[in-house]
């Protein structure tokens, strides 16, 4: 790789800033794209057209530019001139509302995840319950270990981005369901010894691919036009809590957002629902006879 400070930059990301493996891989892909761009172009202003021809969405382009700016700032701190840094500006991304999984759709998935083997059905149900109950990321889900569950106090420890830990309290029902799964179901699935709470069909810790594959299969059985993603559970959990009266700071702590501004997008979701209800039921709506 011809980029300056390549090794030093990724060493800083992983060992100094504590970025997750997935984040580091995303930076690597973005910088490899930048290296490809530099082989054919000299003006940094051409990178936007280059990314568009690569089929990158505006949101993906914004992520690439953010990665490049982080890298170039690192280079400047090490004495290298990087005039491109002043010219790179992320494209404006229209903030879209996250599409969360509704409780009704969750029930459909829950009913569709059954298979011939009862133990695997129980594992599938626990996967859905943890995704929706914890509002966790898929990487956090598959990283859950037996020692992360505190049965006495009723919480689960989750390891989030940058190695940050957070304790998520469980509802009484989820606490009982998780305890039953661990004592009655998990021993039937695990091979030899293992620390993971969830167990895949091979008897080991599931991967991200396992979870995506499971959700794709259950979504198809449930009749959804496209697979439900793990992140939709996270959005659905936050939206349901907000609409039930939970405050933003509590939701922020649950989701592990470093900034309250990230959590505030769910207020837009709630407002959109209010507008929808007004349009549907208000006496001055389109369907009104007034």
C-alpha atoms as a PDB file:
ATOM      1  CA  UNK A   1       0.000   0.000   0.000  1.00  0.00           C
ATOM      2  CA  UNK A   2       1.489   3.343  -1.131  1.00  0.00           C
ATOM      3  CA  UNK A   3      -0.351   5.619   1.303  1.00  0.00           C
ATOM      4  CA  UNK A   4       1.855   7.333   3.867  1.00  0.00           C
ATOM      5  CA  UNK A   5       1.606   6.285   7.514  1.00  0.00           C
ATOM      6  CA  UNK A   6      -0.618   3.340   6.589  1.00  0.00           C
ATOM      7  CA  UNK A   7       0.642   1.054   9.344  1.00  0.00           C
ATOM      8  CA  UNK A   8       0.882   3.834  11.912  1.00  0.00           C
ATOM      9  CA  UNK A   9      -2.656   5.055  11.217  1.00  0.00           C
ATOM     10  CA  UNK A  10      -4.273   1.659  11.665  1.00  0.00           C
ATOM     11  CA  UNK A  11      -2.177   0.938  14.723  1.00  0.00           C
ATOM     12  CA  UNK A  12      -3.477   4.212  16.190  1.00  0.00           C
ATOM     13  CA  UNK A  13      -7.086   3.343  15.319  1.00  0.00           C
ATOM     14  CA  UNK A  14      -6.973  -0.071  16.914  1.00  0.00           C
ATOM     15  CA  UNK A  15      -4.651   0.290  19.875  1.00  0.00           C
ATOM     16  CA  UNK A  16      -4.841   3.975  20.825  1.00  0.00           C
ATOM     17  CA  UNK A  17      -8.382   4.960  19.921  1.00  0.00           C
ATOM     18  CA  UNK A  18      -9.766   1.492  20.628  1.00  0.00           C
ATOM     19  CA  UNK A  19     -11.898   1.272  17.493  1.00  0.00           C
ATOM     20  CA  UNK A  20     -13.734  -1.993  16.882  1.00  0.00           C
ATOM     21  CA  UNK A  21     -12.596  -4.513  14.277  1.00  0.00           C
ATOM     22  CA  UNK A  22     -15.556  -3.634  12.046  1.00  0.00           C
ATOM     23  CA  UNK A  23     -14.743   0.077  12.240  1.00  0.00           C
ATOM     24  CA  UNK A  24     -11.103  -0.554  11.378  1.00  0.00           C
ATOM     25  CA  UNK A  25     -12.143  -2.680   8.393  1.00  0.00           C
ATOM     26  CA  UNK A  26     -14.453   0.108   7.213  1.00  0.00           C
ATOM     27  CA  UNK A  27     -11.555   2.592   7.355  1.00  0.00           C
ATOM     28  CA  UNK A  28      -9.416   0.140   5.404  1.00  0.00           C
ATOM     29  CA  UNK A  29     -12.019  -0.172   2.637  1.00  0.00           C
ATOM     30  CA  UNK A  30     -12.372   3.612   2.428  1.00  0.00           C
ATOM     31  CA  UNK A  31      -8.623   4.186   2.218  1.00  0.00           C
ATOM     32  CA  UNK A  32      -8.201   1.450  -0.382  1.00  0.00           C
ATOM     33  CA  UNK A  33     -10.809   3.298  -2.441  1.00  0.00           C
ATOM     34  CA  UNK A  34      -8.807   6.507  -1.935  1.00  0.00           C
ATOM     35  CA  UNK A  35      -5.628   4.767  -3.069  1.00  0.00           C
ATOM     36  CA  UNK A  36      -7.403   3.583  -6.219  1.00  0.00           C
ATOM     37  CA  UNK A  37      -8.616   7.133  -6.823  1.00  0.00           C
ATOM     38  CA  UNK A  38      -5.101   8.589  -6.445  1.00  0.00           C
ATOM     39  CA  UNK A  39      -3.709   6.250  -9.090  1.00  0.00           C
ATOM     40  CA  UNK A  40      -5.913   7.914 -11.736  1.00  0.00           C
ATOM     41  CA  UNK A  41      -6.537  11.458 -10.449  1.00  0.00           C
ATOM     42  CA  UNK A  42      -4.496  14.372  -9.153  1.00  0.00           C
ATOM     43  CA  UNK A  43      -7.290  16.773  -8.131  1.00  0.00           C
ATOM     44  CA  UNK A  44      -9.127  15.788  -4.954  1.00  0.00           C
ATOM     45  CA  UNK A  45     -12.260  17.550  -6.216  1.00  0.00           C
ATOM     46  CA  UNK A  46     -12.773  14.676  -8.673  1.00  0.00           C
ATOM     47  CA  UNK A  47     -13.338  12.179  -5.875  1.00  0.00           C
ATOM     48  CA  UNK A  48     -17.066  12.889  -5.667  1.00  0.00           C
ATOM     49  CA  UNK A  49     -17.638  11.947  -9.308  1.00  0.00           C
ATOM     50  CA  UNK A  50     -15.327   8.954  -8.805  1.00  0.00           C
ATOM     51  CA  UNK A  51     -17.385   7.695  -5.874  1.00  0.00           C
ATOM     52  CA  UNK A  52     -20.650   8.263  -7.739  1.00  0.00           C
ATOM     53  CA  UNK A  53     -19.401   6.178 -10.670  1.00  0.00           C
ATOM     54  CA  UNK A  54     -18.542   3.453  -8.150  1.00  0.00           C
ATOM     55  CA  UNK A  55     -22.202   3.400  -7.207  1.00  0.00           C
ATOM     56  CA  UNK A  56     -21.749   4.818  -3.695  1.00  0.00           C
ATOM     57  CA  UNK A  57     -24.806   6.460  -2.167  1.00  0.00           C
ATOM     58  CA  UNK A  58     -24.561   9.976  -0.752  1.00  0.00           C
ATOM     59  CA  UNK A  59     -24.458   8.507   2.751  1.00  0.00           C
ATOM     60  CA  UNK A  60     -21.614   6.145   1.782  1.00  0.00           C
ATOM     61  CA  UNK A  61     -19.739   9.022   0.146  1.00  0.00           C
ATOM     62  CA  UNK A  62     -20.056  11.030   3.354  1.00  0.00           C
ATOM     63  CA  UNK A  63     -18.593   8.109   5.323  1.00  0.00           C
ATOM     64  CA  UNK A  64     -15.630   7.823   2.912  1.00  0.00           C
ATOM     65  CA  UNK A  65     -14.911  11.546   3.160  1.00  0.00           C
ATOM     66  CA  UNK A  66     -15.065  11.344   6.956  1.00  0.00           C
ATOM     67  CA  UNK A  67     -12.565   8.464   6.906  1.00  0.00           C
ATOM     68  CA  UNK A  68     -10.225  10.386   4.599  1.00  0.00           C
ATOM     69  CA  UNK A  69     -10.352  13.499   6.767  1.00  0.00           C
ATOM     70  CA  UNK A  70      -9.495  11.432   9.839  1.00  0.00           C
ATOM     71  CA  UNK A  71      -6.556   9.861   7.992  1.00  0.00           C
ATOM     72  CA  UNK A  72      -5.282  13.172   6.585  1.00  0.00           C
ATOM     73  CA  UNK A  73      -5.455  14.875   9.986  1.00  0.00           C
ATOM     74  CA  UNK A  74      -3.387  11.992  11.363  1.00  0.00           C
ATOM     75  CA  UNK A  75      -0.826  12.527   8.583  1.00  0.00           C
ATOM     76  CA  UNK A  76      -0.592  16.256   9.312  1.00  0.00           C
ATOM     77  CA  UNK A  77       0.022  15.576  12.995  1.00  0.00           C
ATOM     78  CA  UNK A  78       3.005  13.503  11.886  1.00  0.00           C
ATOM     79  CA  UNK A  79       4.461  16.335   9.804  1.00  0.00           C
ATOM     80  CA  UNK A  80       3.070  15.534   6.354  1.00  0.00           C
ATOM     81  CA  UNK A  81       1.390  18.278   4.314  1.00  0.00           C
ATOM     82  CA  UNK A  82      -2.174  17.393   3.363  1.00  0.00           C
ATOM     83  CA  UNK A  83      -3.784  20.298   1.438  1.00  0.00           C
ATOM     84  CA  UNK A  84      -6.614  17.925   0.402  1.00  0.00           C
ATOM     85  CA  UNK A  85      -7.914  18.148   3.958  1.00  0.00           C
ATOM     86  CA  UNK A  86      -9.083  21.745   3.396  1.00  0.00           C
ATOM     87  CA  UNK A  87     -10.873  20.822   0.158  1.00  0.00           C
ATOM     88  CA  UNK A  88     -12.676  17.698   1.325  1.00  0.00           C
ATOM     89  CA  UNK A  89     -16.218  18.401   2.424  1.00  0.00           C
ATOM     90  CA  UNK A  90     -18.779  15.667   3.060  1.00  0.00           C
ATOM     91  CA  UNK A  91     -21.838  15.781   0.806  1.00  0.00           C
ATOM     92  CA  UNK A  92     -25.025  16.818   2.526  1.00  0.00           C
ATOM     93  CA  UNK A  93     -26.960  13.786   3.695  1.00  0.00           C
ATOM     94  CA  UNK A  94     -30.666  14.161   4.245  1.00  0.00           C
ATOM     95  CA  UNK A  95     -31.353  12.784   7.683  1.00  0.00           C
ATOM     96  CA  UNK A  96     -33.834   9.987   7.171  1.00  0.00           C
ATOM     97  CA  UNK A  97     -35.950   8.571   9.950  1.00  0.00           C
ATOM     98  CA  UNK A  98     -34.830   5.119  11.075  1.00  0.00           C
ATOM     99  CA  UNK A  99     -37.340   2.402  10.189  1.00  0.00           C
ATOM    100  CA  UNK A 100     -37.847   0.462  13.365  1.00  0.00           C
ATOM    101  CA  UNK A 101     -39.452  -2.916  13.867  1.00  0.00           C
ATOM    102  CA  UNK A 102     -42.964  -2.581  15.252  1.00  0.00           C
ATOM    103  CA  UNK A 103     -44.238  -4.832  18.069  1.00  0.00           C
ATOM    104  CA  UNK A 104     -46.702  -6.351  15.584  1.00  0.00           C
ATOM    105  CA  UNK A 105     -43.931  -7.274  13.147  1.00  0.00           C
ATOM    106  CA  UNK A 106     -41.860  -8.632  16.028  1.00  0.00           C
ATOM    107  CA  UNK A 107     -44.685 -11.028  16.878  1.00  0.00           C
ATOM    108  CA  UNK A 108     -44.826 -12.179  13.246  1.00  0.00           C
ATOM    109  CA  UNK A 109     -41.093 -12.910  13.287  1.00  0.00           C
ATOM    110  CA  UNK A 110     -41.346 -14.623  16.655  1.00  0.00           C
ATOM    111  CA  UNK A 111     -44.029 -16.930  15.307  1.00  0.00           C
ATOM    112  CA  UNK A 112     -42.076 -17.599  12.094  1.00  0.00           C
ATOM    113  CA  UNK A 113     -38.761 -18.588  13.706  1.00  0.00           C
ATOM    114  CA  UNK A 114     -39.905 -22.047  14.736  1.00  0.00           C
ATOM    115  CA  UNK A 115     -38.084 -25.085  13.308  1.00  0.00           C
ATOM    116  CA  UNK A 116     -38.351 -28.844  13.732  1.00  0.00           C
ATOM    117  CA  UNK A 117     -35.922 -29.048  16.662  1.00  0.00           C
ATOM    118  CA  UNK A 118     -37.415 -27.465  19.828  1.00  0.00           C
ATOM    119  CA  UNK A 119     -34.012 -26.418  21.170  1.00  0.00           C
ATOM    120  CA  UNK A 120     -33.202 -24.464  18.029  1.00  0.00           C
ATOM    121  CA  UNK A 121     -36.638 -22.876  18.077  1.00  0.00           C
ATOM    122  CA  UNK A 122     -35.977 -21.710  21.649  1.00  0.00           C
ATOM    123  CA  UNK A 123     -32.557 -20.380  20.557  1.00  0.00           C
ATOM    124  CA  UNK A 124     -34.168 -18.505  17.678  1.00  0.00           C
ATOM    125  CA  UNK A 125     -36.746 -16.974  20.002  1.00  0.00           C
ATOM    126  CA  UNK A 126     -34.066 -15.926  22.479  1.00  0.00           C
ATOM    127  CA  UNK A 127     -32.133 -14.261  19.645  1.00  0.00           C
ATOM    128  CA  UNK A 128     -35.179 -12.160  18.793  1.00  0.00           C
ATOM    129  CA  UNK A 129     -35.937 -11.388  22.434  1.00  0.00           C
ATOM    130  CA  UNK A 130     -32.399 -10.163  23.090  1.00  0.00           C
ATOM    131  CA  UNK A 131     -32.283  -8.042  19.923  1.00  0.00           C
ATOM    132  CA  UNK A 132     -35.582  -6.343  20.723  1.00  0.00           C
ATOM    133  CA  UNK A 133     -35.237  -6.360  24.501  1.00  0.00           C
ATOM    134  CA  UNK A 134     -31.713  -4.952  24.676  1.00  0.00           C
ATOM    135  CA  UNK A 135     -31.747  -2.731  21.585  1.00  0.00           C
ATOM    136  CA  UNK A 136     -28.201  -3.939  20.988  1.00  0.00           C
ATOM    137  CA  UNK A 137     -26.109  -4.041  17.844  1.00  0.00           C
ATOM    138  CA  UNK A 138     -25.548  -7.413  16.156  1.00  0.00           C
ATOM    139  CA  UNK A 139     -21.857  -7.322  17.122  1.00  0.00           C
ATOM    140  CA  UNK A 140     -22.871  -6.771  20.746  1.00  0.00           C
ATOM    141  CA  UNK A 141     -25.400  -9.599  20.568  1.00  0.00           C
ATOM    142  CA  UNK A 142     -22.978 -12.247  19.335  1.00  0.00           C
ATOM    143  CA  UNK A 143     -20.390 -11.076  21.869  1.00  0.00           C
ATOM    144  CA  UNK A 144     -22.601 -11.788  24.892  1.00  0.00           C
ATOM    145  CA  UNK A 145     -21.019 -14.294  27.285  1.00  0.00           C
ATOM    146  CA  UNK A 146     -22.472 -16.250  30.187  1.00  0.00           C
ATOM    147  CA  UNK A 147     -20.609 -14.018  32.625  1.00  0.00           C
ATOM    148  CA  UNK A 148     -22.342 -10.949  31.162  1.00  0.00           C
ATOM    149  CA  UNK A 149     -25.691 -11.992  32.657  1.00  0.00           C
ATOM    150  CA  UNK A 150     -26.232 -10.978  36.267  1.00  0.00           C
ATOM    151  CA  UNK A 151     -29.189 -13.100  37.313  1.00  0.00           C
ATOM    152  CA  UNK A 152     -29.335 -11.649  40.836  1.00  0.00           C
ATOM    153  CA  UNK A 153     -29.652  -7.997  39.823  1.00  0.00           C
ATOM    154  CA  UNK A 154     -31.294  -8.646  36.456  1.00  0.00           C
ATOM    155  CA  UNK A 155     -29.003  -6.958  33.991  1.00  0.00           C
ATOM    156  CA  UNK A 156     -26.766  -7.824  31.044  1.00  0.00           C
ATOM    157  CA  UNK A 157     -23.338  -6.305  30.410  1.00  0.00           C
ATOM    158  CA  UNK A 158     -22.830  -5.275  26.784  1.00  0.00           C
ATOM    159  CA  UNK A 159     -19.501  -4.407  25.201  1.00  0.00           C
ATOM    160  CA  UNK A 160     -20.136  -1.618  22.696  1.00  0.00           C
ATOM    161  CA  UNK A 161     -18.118   0.457  20.266  1.00  0.00           C
ATOM    162  CA  UNK A 162     -14.615   1.322  21.365  1.00  0.00           C
ATOM    163  CA  UNK A 163     -14.741  -1.312  24.088  1.00  0.00           C
ATOM    164  CA  UNK A 164     -17.200   0.751  26.155  1.00  0.00           C
ATOM    165  CA  UNK A 165     -19.256  -1.295  28.599  1.00  0.00           C
ATOM    166  CA  UNK A 166     -22.832  -0.596  29.565  1.00  0.00           C
ATOM    167  CA  UNK A 167     -25.262  -2.417  31.844  1.00  0.00           C
ATOM    168  CA  UNK A 168     -28.731  -2.981  30.395  1.00  0.00           C
ATOM    169  CA  UNK A 169     -31.525  -3.847  32.835  1.00  0.00           C
ATOM    170  CA  UNK A 170     -33.835  -6.671  31.799  1.00  0.00           C
ATOM    171  CA  UNK A 171     -37.594  -6.789  32.149  1.00  0.00           C
ATOM    172  CA  UNK A 172     -38.779  -9.482  34.552  1.00  0.00           C
ATOM    173  CA  UNK A 173     -40.113 -11.533  31.630  1.00  0.00           C
ATOM    174  CA  UNK A 174     -36.885 -11.343  29.642  1.00  0.00           C
ATOM    175  CA  UNK A 175     -34.913 -12.198  32.771  1.00  0.00           C
ATOM    176  CA  UNK A 176     -37.015 -15.336  33.320  1.00  0.00           C
ATOM    177  CA  UNK A 177     -36.855 -16.320  29.636  1.00  0.00           C
ATOM    178  CA  UNK A 178     -33.074 -15.901  29.537  1.00  0.00           C
ATOM    179  CA  UNK A 179     -32.624 -17.954  32.721  1.00  0.00           C
ATOM    180  CA  UNK A 180     -34.809 -20.760  31.324  1.00  0.00           C
ATOM    181  CA  UNK A 181     -32.910 -20.711  28.030  1.00  0.00           C
ATOM    182  CA  UNK A 182     -29.527 -20.917  29.760  1.00  0.00           C
ATOM    183  CA  UNK A 183     -30.518 -23.789  32.051  1.00  0.00           C
ATOM    184  CA  UNK A 184     -32.766 -25.848  29.774  1.00  0.00           C
ATOM    185  CA  UNK A 185     -31.883 -25.080  26.153  1.00  0.00           C
ATOM    186  CA  UNK A 186     -28.288 -23.929  25.798  1.00  0.00           C
ATOM    187  CA  UNK A 187     -26.791 -27.195  27.186  1.00  0.00           C
ATOM    188  CA  UNK A 188     -28.539 -29.045  24.356  1.00  0.00           C
ATOM    189  CA  UNK A 189     -26.896 -26.862  21.712  1.00  0.00           C
ATOM    190  CA  UNK A 190     -23.340 -26.184  22.862  1.00  0.00           C
ATOM    191  CA  UNK A 191     -20.468 -28.471  21.903  1.00  0.00           C
ATOM    192  CA  UNK A 192     -17.830 -29.107  24.559  1.00  0.00           C
ATOM    193  CA  UNK A 193     -17.340 -25.805  26.386  1.00  0.00           C
ATOM    194  CA  UNK A 194     -18.000 -22.256  25.311  1.00  0.00           C
ATOM    195  CA  UNK A 195     -18.654 -18.856  26.829  1.00  0.00           C
ATOM    196  CA  UNK A 196     -21.232 -17.521  24.388  1.00  0.00           C
ATOM    197  CA  UNK A 197     -24.853 -17.103  25.466  1.00  0.00           C
ATOM    198  CA  UNK A 198     -26.177 -17.780  21.975  1.00  0.00           C
ATOM    199  CA  UNK A 199     -25.116 -20.945  20.162  1.00  0.00           C
ATOM    200  CA  UNK A 200     -25.278 -21.515  16.401  1.00  0.00           C
ATOM    201  CA  UNK A 201     -26.270 -24.726  14.625  1.00  0.00           C
ATOM    202  CA  UNK A 202     -22.670 -25.966  14.785  1.00  0.00           C
ATOM    203  CA  UNK A 203     -22.552 -25.652  18.557  1.00  0.00           C
ATOM    204  CA  UNK A 204     -20.395 -22.540  18.728  1.00  0.00           C
ATOM    205  CA  UNK A 205     -20.656 -18.765  19.064  1.00  0.00           C
ATOM    206  CA  UNK A 206     -22.761 -17.366  16.191  1.00  0.00           C
ATOM    207  CA  UNK A 207     -21.261 -14.962  13.686  1.00  0.00           C
ATOM    208  CA  UNK A 208     -22.820 -11.836  12.188  1.00  0.00           C
ATOM    209  CA  UNK A 209     -23.516 -13.894   9.076  1.00  0.00           C
ATOM    210  CA  UNK A 210     -25.404 -16.474  11.152  1.00  0.00           C
ATOM    211  CA  UNK A 211     -27.707 -13.791  12.592  1.00  0.00           C
ATOM    212  CA  UNK A 212     -28.323 -12.156   9.211  1.00  0.00           C
ATOM    213  CA  UNK A 213     -29.037 -15.569   7.672  1.00  0.00           C
ATOM    214  CA  UNK A 214     -31.485 -16.450  10.451  1.00  0.00           C
ATOM    215  CA  UNK A 215     -33.324 -13.149  10.135  1.00  0.00           C
ATOM    216  CA  UNK A 216     -33.519 -13.491   6.359  1.00  0.00           C
ATOM    217  CA  UNK A 217     -35.083 -16.942   6.660  1.00  0.00           C
ATOM    218  CA  UNK A 218     -37.576 -15.911   9.361  1.00  0.00           C
ATOM    219  CA  UNK A 219     -38.496 -12.726   7.486  1.00  0.00           C
ATOM    220  CA  UNK A 220     -39.324 -14.751   4.383  1.00  0.00           C
ATOM    221  CA  UNK A 221     -41.458 -17.186   6.422  1.00  0.00           C
ATOM    222  CA  UNK A 222     -43.235 -14.253   8.068  1.00  0.00           C
ATOM    223  CA  UNK A 223     -44.125 -12.828   4.662  1.00  0.00           C
ATOM    224  CA  UNK A 224     -42.021  -9.661   4.743  1.00  0.00           C
ATOM    225  CA  UNK A 225     -41.055  -8.296   1.295  1.00  0.00           C
ATOM    226  CA  UNK A 226     -37.414  -7.943   2.387  1.00  0.00           C
ATOM    227  CA  UNK A 227     -35.315  -9.251   5.285  1.00  0.00           C
ATOM    228  CA  UNK A 228     -35.569  -7.516   8.637  1.00  0.00           C
ATOM    229  CA  UNK A 229     -32.141  -6.217   9.640  1.00  0.00           C
ATOM    230  CA  UNK A 230     -30.695  -6.415  13.162  1.00  0.00           C
ATOM    231  CA  UNK A 231     -30.614  -2.629  13.346  1.00  0.00           C
ATOM    232  CA  UNK A 232     -34.377  -2.422  12.910  1.00  0.00           C
ATOM    233  CA  UNK A 233     -34.753  -4.124  16.308  1.00  0.00           C
ATOM    234  CA  UNK A 234     -32.548  -1.414  17.820  1.00  0.00           C
ATOM    235  CA  UNK A 235     -34.619   1.351  16.264  1.00  0.00           C
ATOM    236  CA  UNK A 236     -37.859  -0.398  17.190  1.00  0.00           C
ATOM    237  CA  UNK A 237     -36.788  -0.781  20.811  1.00  0.00           C
ATOM    238  CA  UNK A 238     -35.858   2.911  21.115  1.00  0.00           C
ATOM    239  CA  UNK A 239     -39.011   4.129  19.378  1.00  0.00           C
ATOM    240  CA  UNK A 240     -41.281   1.952  21.526  1.00  0.00           C
ATOM    241  CA  UNK A 241     -39.601   3.215  24.703  1.00  0.00           C
ATOM    242  CA  UNK A 242     -39.916   6.841  23.649  1.00  0.00           C
ATOM    243  CA  UNK A 243     -43.574   6.480  22.721  1.00  0.00           C
ATOM    244  CA  UNK A 244     -44.205   4.827  26.090  1.00  0.00           C
ATOM    245  CA  UNK A 245     -42.778   7.821  27.936  1.00  0.00           C
ATOM    246  CA  UNK A 246     -39.110   6.921  28.515  1.00  0.00           C
ATOM    247  CA  UNK A 247     -36.801   9.941  28.613  1.00  0.00           C
ATOM    248  CA  UNK A 248     -34.084  10.485  26.015  1.00  0.00           C
ATOM    249  CA  UNK A 249     -31.225  10.204  28.505  1.00  0.00           C
ATOM    250  CA  UNK A 250     -32.340   6.714  29.551  1.00  0.00           C
ATOM    251  CA  UNK A 251     -32.651   5.634  25.912  1.00  0.00           C
ATOM    252  CA  UNK A 252     -29.211   7.096  25.226  1.00  0.00           C
ATOM    253  CA  UNK A 253     -27.721   4.966  28.005  1.00  0.00           C
ATOM    254  CA  UNK A 254     -29.573   1.868  26.792  1.00  0.00           C
ATOM    255  CA  UNK A 255     -28.321   2.218  23.218  1.00  0.00           C
ATOM    256  CA  UNK A 256     -24.818   3.331  24.151  1.00  0.00           C
ATOM    257  CA  UNK A 257     -24.905   6.557  22.134  1.00  0.00           C
ATOM    258  CA  UNK A 258     -21.979   8.829  22.968  1.00  0.00           C
ATOM    259  CA  UNK A 259     -24.057  11.903  22.098  1.00  0.00           C
ATOM    260  CA  UNK A 260     -27.647  12.742  23.008  1.00  0.00           C
ATOM    261  CA  UNK A 261     -28.012  14.246  19.527  1.00  0.00           C
ATOM    262  CA  UNK A 262     -27.844  10.768  18.020  1.00  0.00           C
ATOM    263  CA  UNK A 263     -30.687   9.657  20.252  1.00  0.00           C
ATOM    264  CA  UNK A 264     -32.801  12.702  19.438  1.00  0.00           C
ATOM    265  CA  UNK A 265     -33.586  11.360  15.970  1.00  0.00           C
ATOM    266  CA  UNK A 266     -36.179   9.142  17.659  1.00  0.00           C
ATOM    267  CA  UNK A 267     -38.138  12.232  18.646  1.00  0.00           C
ATOM    268  CA  UNK A 268     -38.567  12.804  14.898  1.00  0.00           C
ATOM    269  CA  UNK A 269     -39.891   9.262  14.544  1.00  0.00           C
ATOM    270  CA  UNK A 270     -42.426   9.893  17.280  1.00  0.00           C
ATOM    271  CA  UNK A 271     -43.428  13.227  15.744  1.00  0.00           C
ATOM    272  CA  UNK A 272     -43.927  11.535  12.379  1.00  0.00           C
ATOM    273  CA  UNK A 273     -46.283   9.039  14.007  1.00  0.00           C
ATOM    274  CA  UNK A 274     -48.251  11.864  15.614  1.00  0.00           C
ATOM    275  CA  UNK A 275     -48.626  13.578  12.238  1.00  0.00           C
ATOM    276  CA  UNK A 276     -49.811  10.303  10.718  1.00  0.00           C
ATOM    277  CA  UNK A 277     -52.425   9.859  13.441  1.00  0.00           C
ATOM    278  CA  UNK A 278     -53.613  13.451  13.017  1.00  0.00           C
ATOM    279  CA  UNK A 279     -53.937  13.028   9.257  1.00  0.00           C
ATOM    280  CA  UNK A 280     -55.896   9.849   9.826  1.00  0.00           C
ATOM    281  CA  UNK A 281     -58.247  10.919  12.600  1.00  0.00           C
ATOM    282  CA  UNK A 282     -58.428  14.723  12.772  1.00  0.00           C
ATOM    283  CA  UNK A 283     -61.786  16.236  11.730  1.00  0.00           C
ATOM    284  CA  UNK A 284     -59.918  18.565   9.347  1.00  0.00           C
ATOM    285  CA  UNK A 285     -57.984  15.802   7.591  1.00  0.00           C
ATOM    286  CA  UNK A 286     -58.218  15.062   3.866  1.00  0.00           C
ATOM    287  CA  UNK A 287     -60.986  12.512   4.400  1.00  0.00           C
ATOM    288  CA  UNK A 288     -62.990  14.826   6.569  1.00  0.00           C
ATOM    289  CA  UNK A 289     -66.501  15.816   5.475  1.00  0.00           C
ATOM    290  CA  UNK A 290     -66.060  19.318   6.865  1.00  0.00           C
END
